[in-house]
Amino acid sequence: MILDYISLNYNYTLIILLYNIAHKLHYVKKLILLSATLFLLSANNTFSQTKAGDVFVDVYYGFPDWFYKYEFRNNYPSNGSNKFNIKSTGFIGGRIEYLIARRIGFGLDLWYVKTALSGTRTENLYLGQYYYNDGYAPGTTIQNKYDVNESLARITALGRFIVHLGSSSKVDPYVHVGFGYVNYTHTYSSTNSYSSYNNGSYSNGGSENFIPIGLRAGFGMRIFFNENLGANVDLGLGGALFTTGLTYKFFKKEE
């Protein structure tokens, strides 16, 4: 009885968790449902085989933006009178691929993502000898409350090498690796009158140097509904863990 109760509660918790994830990812849920419907409707059709000279164009949305959201949470913990809101655009991107052989392709992957924080910080501030003109005696400790806004935007461009694994005209699985450049733009603003660093905007060449090297490797798949249109999914490291979107295939003209 106890084991049945634990199992029931575990299954219920898992169902609730999956429902909450699906509820928050309306775009992904609708795209997957649409893709499955279109794929089933095209189940009896046969499409042209992919060949050298064909071109794939993908548009996609990716998530989660967990690394920099974690960094912001770590730098700005919300507790008591410190309250912060962290948001992300998610990964908005596109890819293009040219097949030099039936199973080998080269391409470009380009995406944009922005992580932003806003909130209010309260801290005890010790006023030393440099704050005589503020009306406080040297050595006074005050409660300093101020607003903070910080963001980090990244634009990534990677060259890609792709190896296609399947032989179906409808389902196209592949593995890929990419290497390229990342441009960072970091902005910060604060109403803290006791800080010399209240406003700033820095890119790769500015006061804060991020490593401008982008890498990504993973596994992906395209599922075609007709000769040209399909859906794409991708699971990888470097950038978004998961991406999904639409694909359009341009065929090489027969000579």
C-alpha atoms as a PDB file:
ATOM      1  CA  MET A   1       0.000   0.000   0.000  1.00  0.00           C
ATOM      2  CA  ILE A   2       2.783   2.424   0.919  1.00  0.00           C
ATOM      3  CA  LEU A   3       4.695   1.646  -2.280  1.00  0.00           C
ATOM      4  CA  ASP A   4       1.512   2.120  -4.330  1.00  0.00           C
ATOM      5  CA  TYR A   5       0.920   5.473  -2.637  1.00  0.00           C
ATOM      6  CA  ILE A   6       4.507   6.617  -3.309  1.00  0.00           C
ATOM      7  CA  SER A   7       4.255   5.467  -6.929  1.00  0.00           C
ATOM      8  CA  LEU A   8       0.925   7.254  -7.367  1.00  0.00           C
ATOM      9  CA  ASN A   9       2.285  10.484  -5.944  1.00  0.00           C
ATOM     10  CA  TYR A  10       5.421  10.223  -8.068  1.00  0.00           C
ATOM     11  CA  ASN A  11       3.378   9.739 -11.234  1.00  0.00           C
ATOM     12  CA  TYR A  12       1.070  12.607 -10.307  1.00  0.00           C
ATOM     13  CA  THR A  13       4.036  14.923  -9.652  1.00  0.00           C
ATOM     14  CA  LEU A  14       5.611  13.927 -12.976  1.00  0.00           C
ATOM     15  CA  ILE A  15       2.353  14.606 -14.840  1.00  0.00           C
ATOM     16  CA  ILE A  16       2.008  18.028 -13.216  1.00  0.00           C
ATOM     17  CA  LEU A  17       5.645  18.861 -14.040  1.00  0.00           C
ATOM     18  CA  LEU A  18       5.244  17.868 -17.684  1.00  0.00           C
ATOM     19  CA  TYR A  19       1.982  19.794 -17.933  1.00  0.00           C
ATOM     20  CA  ASN A  20       3.598  22.953 -16.527  1.00  0.00           C
ATOM     21  CA  ILE A  21       6.489  22.673 -18.971  1.00  0.00           C
ATOM     22  CA  ALA A  22       4.105  22.217 -21.904  1.00  0.00           C
ATOM     23  CA  HIS A  23       1.888  25.045 -20.669  1.00  0.00           C
ATOM     24  CA  LYS A  24       4.816  27.464 -20.588  1.00  0.00           C
ATOM     25  CA  LEU A  25       6.097  26.420 -24.004  1.00  0.00           C
ATOM     26  CA  HIS A  26       3.010  27.198 -26.096  1.00  0.00           C
ATOM     27  CA  TYR A  27       5.051  27.810 -29.225  1.00  0.00           C
ATOM     28  CA  VAL A  28       6.858  24.476 -28.991  1.00  0.00           C
ATOM     29  CA  LYS A  29       3.704  22.535 -28.153  1.00  0.00           C
ATOM     30  CA  LYS A  30       1.783  23.962 -31.107  1.00  0.00           C
ATOM     31  CA  LEU A  31       4.675  23.439 -33.507  1.00  0.00           C
ATOM     32  CA  ILE A  32       5.128  19.806 -32.471  1.00  0.00           C
ATOM     33  CA  LEU A  33       1.388  19.155 -32.810  1.00  0.00           C
ATOM     34  CA  LEU A  34       1.307  20.819 -36.230  1.00  0.00           C
ATOM     35  CA  SER A  35       4.410  18.920 -37.359  1.00  0.00           C
ATOM     36  CA  ALA A  36       2.991  15.570 -36.253  1.00  0.00           C
ATOM     37  CA  THR A  37      -0.308  16.270 -38.048  1.00  0.00           C
ATOM     38  CA  LEU A  38       1.345  17.311 -41.302  1.00  0.00           C
ATOM     39  CA  PHE A  39       3.748  14.369 -41.149  1.00  0.00           C
ATOM     40  CA  LEU A  40       0.880  11.892 -40.716  1.00  0.00           C
ATOM     41  CA  LEU A  41      -1.021  13.472 -43.618  1.00  0.00           C
ATOM     42  CA  SER A  42       2.044  13.013 -45.828  1.00  0.00           C
ATOM     43  CA  ALA A  43       2.757   9.458 -44.685  1.00  0.00           C
ATOM     44  CA  ASN A  44       1.804   7.883 -48.028  1.00  0.00           C
ATOM     45  CA  ASN A  45       3.733  10.369 -50.161  1.00  0.00           C
ATOM     46  CA  THR A  46       7.253   9.920 -51.506  1.00  0.00           C
ATOM     47  CA  PHE A  47       9.549  12.927 -51.868  1.00  0.00           C
ATOM     48  CA  SER A  48      12.688  13.511 -53.919  1.00  0.00           C
ATOM     49  CA  GLN A  49      15.906  12.261 -52.342  1.00  0.00           C
ATOM     50  CA  THR A  50      18.346  14.812 -51.000  1.00  0.00           C
ATOM     51  CA  LYS A  51      21.409  15.261 -53.212  1.00  0.00           C
ATOM     52  CA  ALA A  52      24.525  17.375 -53.647  1.00  0.00           C
ATOM     53  CA  GLY A  53      23.658  20.964 -54.454  1.00  0.00           C
ATOM     54  CA  ASP A  54      20.490  21.099 -52.338  1.00  0.00           C
ATOM     55  CA  VAL A  55      20.152  23.917 -49.813  1.00  0.00           C
ATOM     56  CA  PHE A  56      18.363  23.884 -46.443  1.00  0.00           C
ATOM     57  CA  VAL A  57      17.170  27.061 -44.719  1.00  0.00           C
ATOM     58  CA  ASP A  58      16.047  26.767 -41.066  1.00  0.00           C
ATOM     59  CA  VAL A  59      14.425  29.285 -38.742  1.00  0.00           C
ATOM     60  CA  TYR A  60      14.172  28.297 -35.080  1.00  0.00           C
ATOM     61  CA  TYR A  61      13.633  29.201 -31.455  1.00  0.00           C
ATOM     62  CA  GLY A  62      15.821  27.719 -28.728  1.00  0.00           C
ATOM     63  CA  PHE A  63      15.883  27.364 -24.946  1.00  0.00           C
ATOM     64  CA  PRO A  64      16.800  27.376 -22.100  1.00  0.00           C
ATOM     65  CA  ASP A  65      19.119  30.325 -21.498  1.00  0.00           C
ATOM     66  CA  TRP A  66      20.270  28.782 -18.248  1.00  0.00           C
ATOM     67  CA  PHE A  67      23.946  29.709 -17.932  1.00  0.00           C
ATOM     68  CA  TYR A  68      23.667  33.502 -17.771  1.00  0.00           C
ATOM     69  CA  LYS A  69      20.346  33.369 -15.931  1.00  0.00           C
ATOM     70  CA  TYR A  70      22.195  31.315 -13.312  1.00  0.00           C
ATOM     71  CA  GLU A  71      25.043  33.843 -13.290  1.00  0.00           C
ATOM     72  CA  PHE A  72      22.612  36.711 -12.705  1.00  0.00           C
ATOM     73  CA  ARG A  73      20.824  34.806  -9.938  1.00  0.00           C
ATOM     74  CA  ASN A  74      24.162  34.039  -8.327  1.00  0.00           C
ATOM     75  CA  ASN A  75      25.278  37.681  -8.472  1.00  0.00           C
ATOM     76  CA  TYR A  76      21.890  39.076  -7.434  1.00  0.00           C
ATOM     77  CA  PRO A  77      20.199  36.665  -5.013  1.00  0.00           C
ATOM     78  CA  SER A  78      16.594  37.554  -4.204  1.00  0.00           C
ATOM     79  CA  ASN A  79      16.055  37.545  -0.449  1.00  0.00           C
ATOM     80  CA  GLY A  80      14.240  39.827   1.950  1.00  0.00           C
ATOM     81  CA  SER A  81      14.347  43.365   0.573  1.00  0.00           C
ATOM     82  CA  ASN A  82      16.458  42.346  -2.453  1.00  0.00           C
ATOM     83  CA  LYS A  83      14.070  41.506  -5.282  1.00  0.00           C
ATOM     84  CA  PHE A  84      15.173  40.817  -8.849  1.00  0.00           C
ATOM     85  CA  ASN A  85      13.449  39.737 -12.040  1.00  0.00           C
ATOM     86  CA  ILE A  86      15.445  37.839 -14.671  1.00  0.00           C
ATOM     87  CA  LYS A  87      14.172  37.350 -18.218  1.00  0.00           C
ATOM     88  CA  SER A  88      15.519  36.009 -21.486  1.00  0.00           C
ATOM     89  CA  THR A  89      14.464  36.381 -25.103  1.00  0.00           C
ATOM     90  CA  GLY A  90      15.428  32.774 -25.749  1.00  0.00           C
ATOM     91  CA  PHE A  91      17.566  31.884 -28.764  1.00  0.00           C
ATOM     92  CA  ILE A  92      16.173  33.349 -31.994  1.00  0.00           C
ATOM     93  CA  GLY A  93      18.092  32.046 -34.957  1.00  0.00           C
ATOM     94  CA  GLY A  94      18.460  30.771 -38.473  1.00  0.00           C
ATOM     95  CA  ARG A  95      20.664  28.313 -40.359  1.00  0.00           C
ATOM     96  CA  ILE A  96      21.614  27.723 -43.951  1.00  0.00           C
ATOM     97  CA  GLU A  97      23.266  24.573 -45.255  1.00  0.00           C
ATOM     98  CA  TYR A  98      24.670  23.608 -48.639  1.00  0.00           C
ATOM     99  CA  LEU A  99      25.212  19.948 -49.500  1.00  0.00           C
ATOM    100  CA  ILE A 100      28.510  19.232 -51.212  1.00  0.00           C
ATOM    101  CA  ALA A 101      27.599  15.524 -51.260  1.00  0.00           C
ATOM    102  CA  ARG A 102      24.458  13.583 -50.419  1.00  0.00           C
ATOM    103  CA  ARG A 103      25.515  13.153 -46.782  1.00  0.00           C
ATOM    104  CA  ILE A 104      27.961  16.034 -46.267  1.00  0.00           C
ATOM    105  CA  GLY A 105      27.043  19.671 -45.813  1.00  0.00           C
ATOM    106  CA  PHE A 106      28.585  22.976 -44.826  1.00  0.00           C
ATOM    107  CA  GLY A 107      26.642  25.912 -43.485  1.00  0.00           C
ATOM    108  CA  LEU A 108      26.164  28.895 -41.218  1.00  0.00           C
ATOM    109  CA  ASP A 109      24.288  29.128 -37.909  1.00  0.00           C
ATOM    110  CA  LEU A 110      23.327  32.597 -36.628  1.00  0.00           C
ATOM    111  CA  TRP A 111      21.411  33.367 -33.425  1.00  0.00           C
ATOM    112  CA  TYR A 112      20.591  36.165 -30.977  1.00  0.00           C
ATOM    113  CA  VAL A 113      19.803  35.940 -27.258  1.00  0.00           C
ATOM    114  CA  LYS A 114      19.519  38.545 -24.507  1.00  0.00           C
ATOM    115  CA  THR A 115      19.444  37.971 -20.750  1.00  0.00           C
ATOM    116  CA  ALA A 116      18.164  40.880 -18.660  1.00  0.00           C
ATOM    117  CA  LEU A 117      17.870  41.603 -14.937  1.00  0.00           C
ATOM    118  CA  SER A 118      15.979  44.363 -13.135  1.00  0.00           C
ATOM    119  CA  GLY A 119      15.287  44.892  -9.464  1.00  0.00           C
ATOM    120  CA  THR A 120      16.017  46.663  -6.207  1.00  0.00           C
ATOM    121  CA  ARG A 121      18.965  46.010  -3.928  1.00  0.00           C
ATOM    122  CA  THR A 122      19.259  47.049  -0.283  1.00  0.00           C
ATOM    123  CA  GLU A 123      22.582  46.830   1.529  1.00  0.00           C
ATOM    124  CA  ASN A 124      24.235  48.162   4.639  1.00  0.00           C
ATOM    125  CA  LEU A 125      26.885  50.675   3.605  1.00  0.00           C
ATOM    126  CA  TYR A 126      29.738  51.807   5.838  1.00  0.00           C
ATOM    127  CA  LEU A 127      30.535  55.472   5.208  1.00  0.00           C
ATOM    128  CA  GLY A 128      34.214  56.085   5.655  1.00  0.00           C
ATOM    129  CA  GLN A 129      36.259  59.223   5.334  1.00  0.00           C
ATOM    130  CA  TYR A 130      35.239  59.870   1.707  1.00  0.00           C
ATOM    131  CA  TYR A 131      31.598  60.718   2.459  1.00  0.00           C
ATOM    132  CA  TYR A 132      31.937  63.836   4.639  1.00  0.00           C
ATOM    133  CA  ASN A 133      29.676  65.898   2.349  1.00  0.00           C
ATOM    134  CA  ASP A 134      26.689  63.573   2.578  1.00  0.00           C
ATOM    135  CA  GLY A 135      25.574  64.835   5.976  1.00  0.00           C
ATOM    136  CA  TYR A 136      26.778  61.737   7.795  1.00  0.00           C
ATOM    137  CA  ALA A 137      29.622  61.515  10.245  1.00  0.00           C
ATOM    138  CA  PRO A 138      32.604  59.368   9.190  1.00  0.00           C
ATOM    139  CA  GLY A 139      32.130  55.767  10.280  1.00  0.00           C
ATOM    140  CA  THR A 140      28.336  55.835   9.997  1.00  0.00           C
ATOM    141  CA  THR A 141      26.568  52.769   8.595  1.00  0.00           C
ATOM    142  CA  ILE A 142      23.436  53.464   6.537  1.00  0.00           C
ATOM    143  CA  GLN A 143      20.914  51.378   4.619  1.00  0.00           C
ATOM    144  CA  ASN A 144      21.515  52.015   0.920  1.00  0.00           C
ATOM    145  CA  LYS A 145      18.619  51.127  -1.414  1.00  0.00           C
ATOM    146  CA  TYR A 146      18.892  51.466  -5.194  1.00  0.00           C
ATOM    147  CA  ASP A 147      17.594  50.124  -8.503  1.00  0.00           C
ATOM    148  CA  VAL A 148      19.666  47.915 -10.786  1.00  0.00           C
ATOM    149  CA  ASN A 149      19.236  47.078 -14.481  1.00  0.00           C
ATOM    150  CA  GLU A 150      21.700  44.791 -16.241  1.00  0.00           C
ATOM    151  CA  SER A 151      21.635  42.904 -19.518  1.00  0.00           C
ATOM    152  CA  LEU A 152      23.892  40.742 -21.643  1.00  0.00           C
ATOM    153  CA  ALA A 153      23.093  40.333 -25.357  1.00  0.00           C
ATOM    154  CA  ARG A 154      24.925  37.865 -27.576  1.00  0.00           C
ATOM    155  CA  ILE A 155      25.032  37.501 -31.342  1.00  0.00           C
ATOM    156  CA  THR A 156      26.677  34.256 -32.458  1.00  0.00           C
ATOM    157  CA  ALA A 157      27.766  33.247 -35.955  1.00  0.00           C
ATOM    158  CA  LEU A 158      29.141  29.731 -36.480  1.00  0.00           C
ATOM    159  CA  GLY A 159      30.444  27.870 -39.481  1.00  0.00           C
ATOM    160  CA  ARG A 160      28.974  24.354 -39.441  1.00  0.00           C
ATOM    161  CA  PHE A 161      30.000  20.905 -40.677  1.00  0.00           C
ATOM    162  CA  ILE A 162      27.094  18.454 -40.988  1.00  0.00           C
ATOM    163  CA  VAL A 163      26.969  14.707 -41.601  1.00  0.00           C
ATOM    164  CA  HIS A 164      23.566  13.291 -42.619  1.00  0.00           C
ATOM    165  CA  LEU A 165      22.794   9.809 -41.301  1.00  0.00           C
ATOM    166  CA  GLY A 166      19.500   8.691 -42.839  1.00  0.00           C
ATOM    167  CA  SER A 167      18.294   7.538 -46.239  1.00  0.00           C
ATOM    168  CA  SER A 168      14.609   8.523 -45.959  1.00  0.00           C
ATOM    169  CA  SER A 169      13.219  11.351 -48.088  1.00  0.00           C
ATOM    170  CA  LYS A 170      10.973  12.447 -45.186  1.00  0.00           C
ATOM    171  CA  VAL A 171      13.155  12.183 -42.078  1.00  0.00           C
ATOM    172  CA  ASP A 172      16.675  13.611 -42.170  1.00  0.00           C
ATOM    173  CA  PRO A 173      18.755  12.956 -39.024  1.00  0.00           C
ATOM    174  CA  TYR A 174      22.227  14.464 -38.782  1.00  0.00           C
ATOM    175  CA  VAL A 175      25.119  15.305 -36.475  1.00  0.00           C
ATOM    176  CA  HIS A 176      26.955  18.620 -36.572  1.00  0.00           C
ATOM    177  CA  VAL A 177      29.823  20.649 -35.161  1.00  0.00           C
ATOM    178  CA  GLY A 178      30.298  24.411 -35.381  1.00  0.00           C
ATOM    179  CA  PHE A 179      32.958  26.985 -34.651  1.00  0.00           C
ATOM    180  CA  GLY A 180      32.756  30.754 -34.889  1.00  0.00           C
ATOM    181  CA  TYR A 181      32.433  34.183 -33.293  1.00  0.00           C
ATOM    182  CA  VAL A 182      30.326  35.633 -30.472  1.00  0.00           C
ATOM    183  CA  ASN A 183      29.686  39.354 -29.992  1.00  0.00           C
ATOM    184  CA  TYR A 184      28.736  40.342 -26.440  1.00  0.00           C
ATOM    185  CA  THR A 185      27.055  43.588 -25.409  1.00  0.00           C
ATOM    186  CA  HIS A 186      26.876  44.132 -21.654  1.00  0.00           C
ATOM    187  CA  THR A 187      24.860  47.058 -20.243  1.00  0.00           C
ATOM    188  CA  TYR A 188      24.487  48.153 -16.637  1.00  0.00           C
ATOM    189  CA  SER A 189      22.672  51.013 -14.936  1.00  0.00           C
ATOM    190  CA  SER A 190      22.079  51.802 -11.275  1.00  0.00           C
ATOM    191  CA  THR A 191      20.671  54.544  -9.071  1.00  0.00           C
ATOM    192  CA  ASN A 192      23.338  53.829  -6.443  1.00  0.00           C
ATOM    193  CA  SER A 193      24.719  57.279  -5.619  1.00  0.00           C
ATOM    194  CA  TYR A 194      27.614  55.722  -3.674  1.00  0.00           C
ATOM    195  CA  SER A 195      29.018  53.830  -6.661  1.00  0.00           C
ATOM    196  CA  SER A 196      31.299  55.147  -9.402  1.00  0.00           C
ATOM    197  CA  TYR A 197      30.047  52.370 -11.719  1.00  0.00           C
ATOM    198  CA  ASN A 198      26.443  53.387 -12.314  1.00  0.00           C
ATOM    199  CA  ASN A 199      26.057  53.302 -16.072  1.00  0.00           C
ATOM    200  CA  GLY A 200      27.915  51.568 -18.837  1.00  0.00           C
ATOM    201  CA  SER A 201      27.721  49.617 -22.064  1.00  0.00           C
ATOM    202  CA  TYR A 202      30.557  47.327 -23.071  1.00  0.00           C
ATOM    203  CA  SER A 203      31.119  45.035 -26.035  1.00  0.00           C
ATOM    204  CA  ASN A 204      33.955  42.620 -26.863  1.00  0.00           C
ATOM    205  CA  GLY A 205      36.428  45.445 -27.231  1.00  0.00           C
ATOM    206  CA  GLY A 206      35.275  47.390 -24.189  1.00  0.00           C
ATOM    207  CA  SER A 207      36.199  47.433 -20.540  1.00  0.00           C
ATOM    208  CA  GLU A 208      34.900  43.905 -20.001  1.00  0.00           C
ATOM    209  CA  ASN A 209      36.422  41.355 -22.350  1.00  0.00           C
ATOM    210  CA  PHE A 210      34.398  38.205 -22.977  1.00  0.00           C
ATOM    211  CA  ILE A 211      35.960  35.368 -24.940  1.00  0.00           C
ATOM    212  CA  PRO A 212      34.515  35.902 -28.450  1.00  0.00           C
ATOM    213  CA  ILE A 213      34.680  32.238 -29.482  1.00  0.00           C
ATOM    214  CA  GLY A 214      31.554  30.198 -30.192  1.00  0.00           C
ATOM    215  CA  LEU A 215      31.309  26.401 -30.286  1.00  0.00           C
ATOM    216  CA  ARG A 216      28.400  24.028 -30.773  1.00  0.00           C
ATOM    217  CA  ALA A 217      28.027  20.294 -31.345  1.00  0.00           C
ATOM    218  CA  GLY A 218      24.932  18.150 -31.373  1.00  0.00           C
ATOM    219  CA  PHE A 219      22.347  16.002 -33.082  1.00  0.00           C
ATOM    220  CA  GLY A 220      19.430  17.215 -35.156  1.00  0.00           C
ATOM    221  CA  MET A 221      16.593  16.087 -37.379  1.00  0.00           C
ATOM    222  CA  ARG A 222      14.407  17.519 -40.138  1.00  0.00           C
ATOM    223  CA  ILE A 223      10.942  16.089 -40.802  1.00  0.00           C
ATOM    224  CA  PHE A 224       9.422  17.004 -44.180  1.00  0.00           C
ATOM    225  CA  PHE A 225       5.714  17.456 -44.871  1.00  0.00           C
ATOM    226  CA  ASN A 226       6.167  17.849 -48.626  1.00  0.00           C
ATOM    227  CA  GLU A 227       8.999  18.287 -51.119  1.00  0.00           C
ATOM    228  CA  ASN A 228      10.128  21.598 -49.620  1.00  0.00           C
ATOM    229  CA  LEU A 229       8.593  22.349 -46.227  1.00  0.00           C
ATOM    230  CA  GLY A 230       9.421  20.649 -42.944  1.00  0.00           C
ATOM    231  CA  ALA A 231      10.151  21.051 -39.237  1.00  0.00           C
ATOM    232  CA  ASN A 232      13.509  20.896 -37.498  1.00  0.00           C
ATOM    233  CA  VAL A 233      14.623  19.926 -34.005  1.00  0.00           C
ATOM    234  CA  ASP A 234      18.139  20.081 -32.597  1.00  0.00           C
ATOM    235  CA  LEU A 235      19.762  18.998 -29.329  1.00  0.00           C
ATOM    236  CA  GLY A 236      23.259  20.283 -28.617  1.00  0.00           C
ATOM    237  CA  LEU A 237      25.820  21.910 -26.375  1.00  0.00           C
ATOM    238  CA  GLY A 238      26.935  25.494 -26.960  1.00  0.00           C
ATOM    239  CA  GLY A 239      24.030  27.916 -27.166  1.00  0.00           C
ATOM    240  CA  ALA A 240      20.527  26.535 -26.662  1.00  0.00           C
ATOM    241  CA  LEU A 241      20.185  23.001 -25.367  1.00  0.00           C
ATOM    242  CA  PHE A 242      17.113  22.481 -27.574  1.00  0.00           C
ATOM    243  CA  THR A 243      15.881  24.265 -30.696  1.00  0.00           C
ATOM    244  CA  THR A 244      12.873  23.725 -32.918  1.00  0.00           C
ATOM    245  CA  GLY A 245      11.489  25.514 -35.954  1.00  0.00           C
ATOM    246  CA  LEU A 246      10.677  25.282 -39.649  1.00  0.00           C
ATOM    247  CA  THR A 247      12.764  24.227 -42.645  1.00  0.00           C
ATOM    248  CA  TYR A 248      12.581  25.024 -46.336  1.00  0.00           C
ATOM    249  CA  LYS A 249      14.566  22.950 -48.842  1.00  0.00           C
ATOM    250  CA  PHE A 250      15.737  24.333 -52.193  1.00  0.00           C
ATOM    251  CA  PHE A 251      16.511  21.649 -54.752  1.00  0.00           C
ATOM    252  CA  LYS A 252      19.390  21.871 -57.181  1.00  0.00           C
ATOM    253  CA  LYS A 253      18.037  22.370 -60.667  1.00  0.00           C
ATOM    254  CA  GLU A 254      18.520  19.397 -62.911  1.00  0.00           C
ATOM    255  CA  GLU A 255      20.703  20.081 -65.917  1.00  0.00           C
END
